[in-house]
Amino acid sequence: MIYIAGPYSEFNDLMLMNDRAHMHGVFAIDCAVAGHIVYSPIAAWHHLSFGRGLPMTQEFWRRMSLGILRHCEQLWILRLEGWGESSGLRYEIPFADSCGIPTRYFDWGTYREEIGIPVIVGPLGPGL
């Protein structure tokens, strides 16, 4: 299984968090369509976590994230704006390294061919 990570909540900006969760979801779907078995905690938990009593602390999500990541074969980072400042990535990447889990990096908008989805160029541009 591939664990998908990337920036999410650094600025406590709900609109930004919604946008990032959507992008993580699209990336996860594209990976699944390409035949990969993936898990994205951001895509999986974003819409379920608000107003339902889940702790929103770094400690809670670190325990959840690392508990799943330890069972994965790869860590894929979706490099959205601000990924270098991501508090989650600051512990997920070193943890993966310490477990011998390889890490790959993907940029939004250019990842499709890298994950195995052919880019189709139509009259309006790539994918259109």
C-alpha atoms as a PDB file:
ATOM      1  CA  MET A   1       0.000   0.000   0.000  1.00  0.00           C
ATOM      2  CA  ILE A   2       1.135   3.547  -0.746  1.00  0.00           C
ATOM      3  CA  TYR A   3       0.657   6.233   1.891  1.00  0.00           C
ATOM      4  CA  ILE A   4      -0.100   9.659   0.377  1.00  0.00           C
ATOM      5  CA  ALA A   5       0.976  12.707   2.375  1.00  0.00           C
ATOM      6  CA  GLY A   6       1.292  16.426   1.803  1.00  0.00           C
ATOM      7  CA  PRO A   7       0.535  19.798   3.339  1.00  0.00           C
ATOM      8  CA  TYR A   8      -2.865  20.288   4.908  1.00  0.00           C
ATOM      9  CA  SER A   9      -3.529  22.405   7.994  1.00  0.00           C
ATOM     10  CA  GLU A  10      -0.533  24.643   8.649  1.00  0.00           C
ATOM     11  CA  PHE A  11      -2.486  27.902   8.546  1.00  0.00           C
ATOM     12  CA  ASN A  12      -5.775  26.744  10.157  1.00  0.00           C
ATOM     13  CA  ASP A  13      -7.514  28.154   7.083  1.00  0.00           C
ATOM     14  CA  LEU A  14     -10.641  26.070   6.411  1.00  0.00           C
ATOM     15  CA  MET A  15     -10.878  27.104   2.748  1.00  0.00           C
ATOM     16  CA  LEU A  16      -7.238  26.125   2.164  1.00  0.00           C
ATOM     17  CA  MET A  17      -7.764  22.858   4.034  1.00  0.00           C
ATOM     18  CA  ASN A  18     -10.813  22.093   1.859  1.00  0.00           C
ATOM     19  CA  ASP A  19      -8.841  22.822  -1.317  1.00  0.00           C
ATOM     20  CA  ARG A  20      -5.930  20.667  -0.204  1.00  0.00           C
ATOM     21  CA  ALA A  21      -8.226  17.804   0.829  1.00  0.00           C
ATOM     22  CA  HIS A  22      -9.863  17.961  -2.607  1.00  0.00           C
ATOM     23  CA  MET A  23      -6.468  17.837  -4.347  1.00  0.00           C
ATOM     24  CA  HIS A  24      -5.369  14.908  -2.181  1.00  0.00           C
ATOM     25  CA  GLY A  25      -8.603  13.138  -3.079  1.00  0.00           C
ATOM     26  CA  VAL A  26      -8.109  13.710  -6.803  1.00  0.00           C
ATOM     27  CA  PHE A  27      -4.507  12.485  -6.552  1.00  0.00           C
ATOM     28  CA  ALA A  28      -5.610   9.373  -4.624  1.00  0.00           C
ATOM     29  CA  ILE A  29      -8.321   8.624  -7.209  1.00  0.00           C
ATOM     30  CA  ASP A  30      -5.864   9.054 -10.078  1.00  0.00           C
ATOM     31  CA  CYS A  31      -3.414   6.718  -8.324  1.00  0.00           C
ATOM     32  CA  ALA A  32      -6.148   4.118  -7.833  1.00  0.00           C
ATOM     33  CA  VAL A  33      -7.243   4.416 -11.467  1.00  0.00           C
ATOM     34  CA  ALA A  34      -3.605   3.825 -12.454  1.00  0.00           C
ATOM     35  CA  GLY A  35      -3.706   0.566 -10.466  1.00  0.00           C
ATOM     36  CA  HIS A  36      -2.001   1.599  -7.233  1.00  0.00           C
ATOM     37  CA  ILE A  37      -3.321   0.647  -3.783  1.00  0.00           C
ATOM     38  CA  VAL A  38      -3.281   3.911  -1.842  1.00  0.00           C
ATOM     39  CA  TYR A  39      -4.325   5.483   1.433  1.00  0.00           C
ATOM     40  CA  SER A  40      -4.581   9.237   1.934  1.00  0.00           C
ATOM     41  CA  PRO A  41      -5.438  10.230   5.511  1.00  0.00           C
ATOM     42  CA  ILE A  42      -6.256  13.749   4.333  1.00  0.00           C
ATOM     43  CA  ALA A  43      -8.729  12.538   1.705  1.00  0.00           C
ATOM     44  CA  ALA A  44     -10.105   9.872   4.045  1.00  0.00           C
ATOM     45  CA  TRP A  45     -10.576  11.950   7.183  1.00  0.00           C
ATOM     46  CA  HIS A  46     -11.013  15.605   6.174  1.00  0.00           C
ATOM     47  CA  HIS A  47     -14.780  15.622   5.697  1.00  0.00           C
ATOM     48  CA  LEU A  48     -15.405  13.258   8.607  1.00  0.00           C
ATOM     49  CA  SER A  49     -13.334  15.031  11.238  1.00  0.00           C
ATOM     50  CA  PHE A  50     -15.262  18.297  11.662  1.00  0.00           C
ATOM     51  CA  GLY A  51     -17.932  18.487  14.341  1.00  0.00           C
ATOM     52  CA  ARG A  52     -17.665  14.860  15.349  1.00  0.00           C
ATOM     53  CA  GLY A  53     -15.413  15.100  18.379  1.00  0.00           C
ATOM     54  CA  LEU A  54     -12.195  13.876  16.798  1.00  0.00           C
ATOM     55  CA  PRO A  55      -9.178  15.473  18.419  1.00  0.00           C
ATOM     56  CA  MET A  56      -7.539  18.008  16.121  1.00  0.00           C
ATOM     57  CA  THR A  57      -4.196  17.820  17.908  1.00  0.00           C
ATOM     58  CA  GLN A  58      -0.880  17.068  16.271  1.00  0.00           C
ATOM     59  CA  GLU A  59      -0.321  14.220  18.749  1.00  0.00           C
ATOM     60  CA  PHE A  60      -3.548  12.429  17.786  1.00  0.00           C
ATOM     61  CA  TRP A  61      -2.911  12.651  14.041  1.00  0.00           C
ATOM     62  CA  ARG A  62       0.763  11.747  14.412  1.00  0.00           C
ATOM     63  CA  ARG A  63      -0.212   8.517  16.204  1.00  0.00           C
ATOM     64  CA  MET A  64      -2.845   7.741  13.555  1.00  0.00           C
ATOM     65  CA  SER A  65      -0.552   8.579  10.631  1.00  0.00           C
ATOM     66  CA  LEU A  66       2.509   6.690  11.796  1.00  0.00           C
ATOM     67  CA  GLY A  67       0.402   3.725  12.860  1.00  0.00           C
ATOM     68  CA  ILE A  68      -0.729   3.305   9.258  1.00  0.00           C
ATOM     69  CA  LEU A  69       2.473   4.444   7.533  1.00  0.00           C
ATOM     70  CA  ARG A  70       4.490   1.718   9.298  1.00  0.00           C
ATOM     71  CA  HIS A  71       2.482  -0.867   7.309  1.00  0.00           C
ATOM     72  CA  CYS A  72       2.946   0.800   3.905  1.00  0.00           C
ATOM     73  CA  GLU A  73       5.429  -0.048   1.178  1.00  0.00           C
ATOM     74  CA  GLN A  74       5.947   3.517  -0.065  1.00  0.00           C
ATOM     75  CA  LEU A  75       5.362   7.122   0.961  1.00  0.00           C
ATOM     76  CA  TRP A  76       4.241   9.437  -1.830  1.00  0.00           C
ATOM     77  CA  ILE A  77       4.391  13.166  -1.170  1.00  0.00           C
ATOM     78  CA  LEU A  78       2.036  15.478  -3.047  1.00  0.00           C
ATOM     79  CA  ARG A  79       4.010  18.705  -3.262  1.00  0.00           C
ATOM     80  CA  LEU A  80       1.352  21.373  -2.994  1.00  0.00           C
ATOM     81  CA  GLU A  81       2.216  24.952  -2.127  1.00  0.00           C
ATOM     82  CA  GLY A  82       3.678  25.020   1.381  1.00  0.00           C
ATOM     83  CA  TRP A  83       4.735  21.383   1.419  1.00  0.00           C
ATOM     84  CA  GLY A  84       8.174  22.309   2.779  1.00  0.00           C
ATOM     85  CA  GLU A  85       6.577  23.808   5.901  1.00  0.00           C
ATOM     86  CA  SER A  86       4.209  20.899   6.564  1.00  0.00           C
ATOM     87  CA  SER A  87       4.347  19.848  10.202  1.00  0.00           C
ATOM     88  CA  GLY A  88       3.046  16.387   9.304  1.00  0.00           C
ATOM     89  CA  LEU A  89       5.695  15.817   6.656  1.00  0.00           C
ATOM     90  CA  ARG A  90       8.338  16.798   9.207  1.00  0.00           C
ATOM     91  CA  TYR A  91       7.658  13.551  11.050  1.00  0.00           C
ATOM     92  CA  GLU A  92       6.269  11.335   8.254  1.00  0.00           C
ATOM     93  CA  ILE A  93       9.348  11.546   5.990  1.00  0.00           C
ATOM     94  CA  PRO A  94      11.952  10.784   8.712  1.00  0.00           C
ATOM     95  CA  PHE A  95       9.735   8.000  10.050  1.00  0.00           C
ATOM     96  CA  ALA A  96       9.480   6.417   6.587  1.00  0.00           C
ATOM     97  CA  ASP A  97      13.265   6.727   6.210  1.00  0.00           C
ATOM     98  CA  SER A  98      13.834   5.042   9.579  1.00  0.00           C
ATOM     99  CA  CYS A  99      11.566   2.153   8.517  1.00  0.00           C
ATOM    100  CA  GLY A 100      13.238   1.766   5.119  1.00  0.00           C
ATOM    101  CA  ILE A 101      10.081   2.932   3.327  1.00  0.00           C
ATOM    102  CA  PRO A 102      11.011   4.658   0.044  1.00  0.00           C
ATOM    103  CA  THR A 103       9.644   8.153  -0.561  1.00  0.00           C
ATOM    104  CA  ARG A 104       8.629   9.649  -3.920  1.00  0.00           C
ATOM    105  CA  TYR A 105       7.618  13.230  -4.682  1.00  0.00           C
ATOM    106  CA  PHE A 106       4.907  14.417  -7.086  1.00  0.00           C
ATOM    107  CA  ASP A 107       3.917  17.900  -8.186  1.00  0.00           C
ATOM    108  CA  TRP A 108       0.303  18.873  -8.650  1.00  0.00           C
ATOM    109  CA  GLY A 109      -0.534  19.216 -12.324  1.00  0.00           C
ATOM    110  CA  THR A 110       2.368  17.125 -13.625  1.00  0.00           C
ATOM    111  CA  TYR A 111       2.056  13.814 -11.781  1.00  0.00           C
ATOM    112  CA  ARG A 112      -0.339  11.878 -14.050  1.00  0.00           C
ATOM    113  CA  GLU A 113       2.234  10.343 -16.381  1.00  0.00           C
ATOM    114  CA  GLU A 114       4.565   9.584 -13.447  1.00  0.00           C
ATOM    115  CA  ILE A 115       1.909   7.439 -11.755  1.00  0.00           C
ATOM    116  CA  GLY A 116       0.974   5.628 -14.964  1.00  0.00           C
ATOM    117  CA  ILE A 117      -1.874   7.651 -16.458  1.00  0.00           C
ATOM    118  CA  PRO A 118      -1.098   8.671 -20.029  1.00  0.00           C
ATOM    119  CA  VAL A 119      -1.402  12.384 -20.646  1.00  0.00           C
ATOM    120  CA  ILE A 120      -3.739  13.029 -23.544  1.00  0.00           C
ATOM    121  CA  VAL A 121      -3.202  16.298 -25.350  1.00  0.00           C
ATOM    122  CA  GLY A 122      -6.374  17.591 -26.962  1.00  0.00           C
ATOM    123  CA  PRO A 123      -7.049  20.750 -28.929  1.00  0.00           C
ATOM    124  CA  LEU A 124      -7.410  22.754 -25.676  1.00  0.00           C
ATOM    125  CA  GLY A 125      -4.294  21.379 -23.976  1.00  0.00           C
ATOM    126  CA  PRO A 126      -3.330  18.386 -21.804  1.00  0.00           C
ATOM    127  CA  GLY A 127      -6.325  16.314 -20.778  1.00  0.00           C
ATOM    128  CA  LEU A 128      -8.814  18.610 -22.517  1.00  0.00           C
END
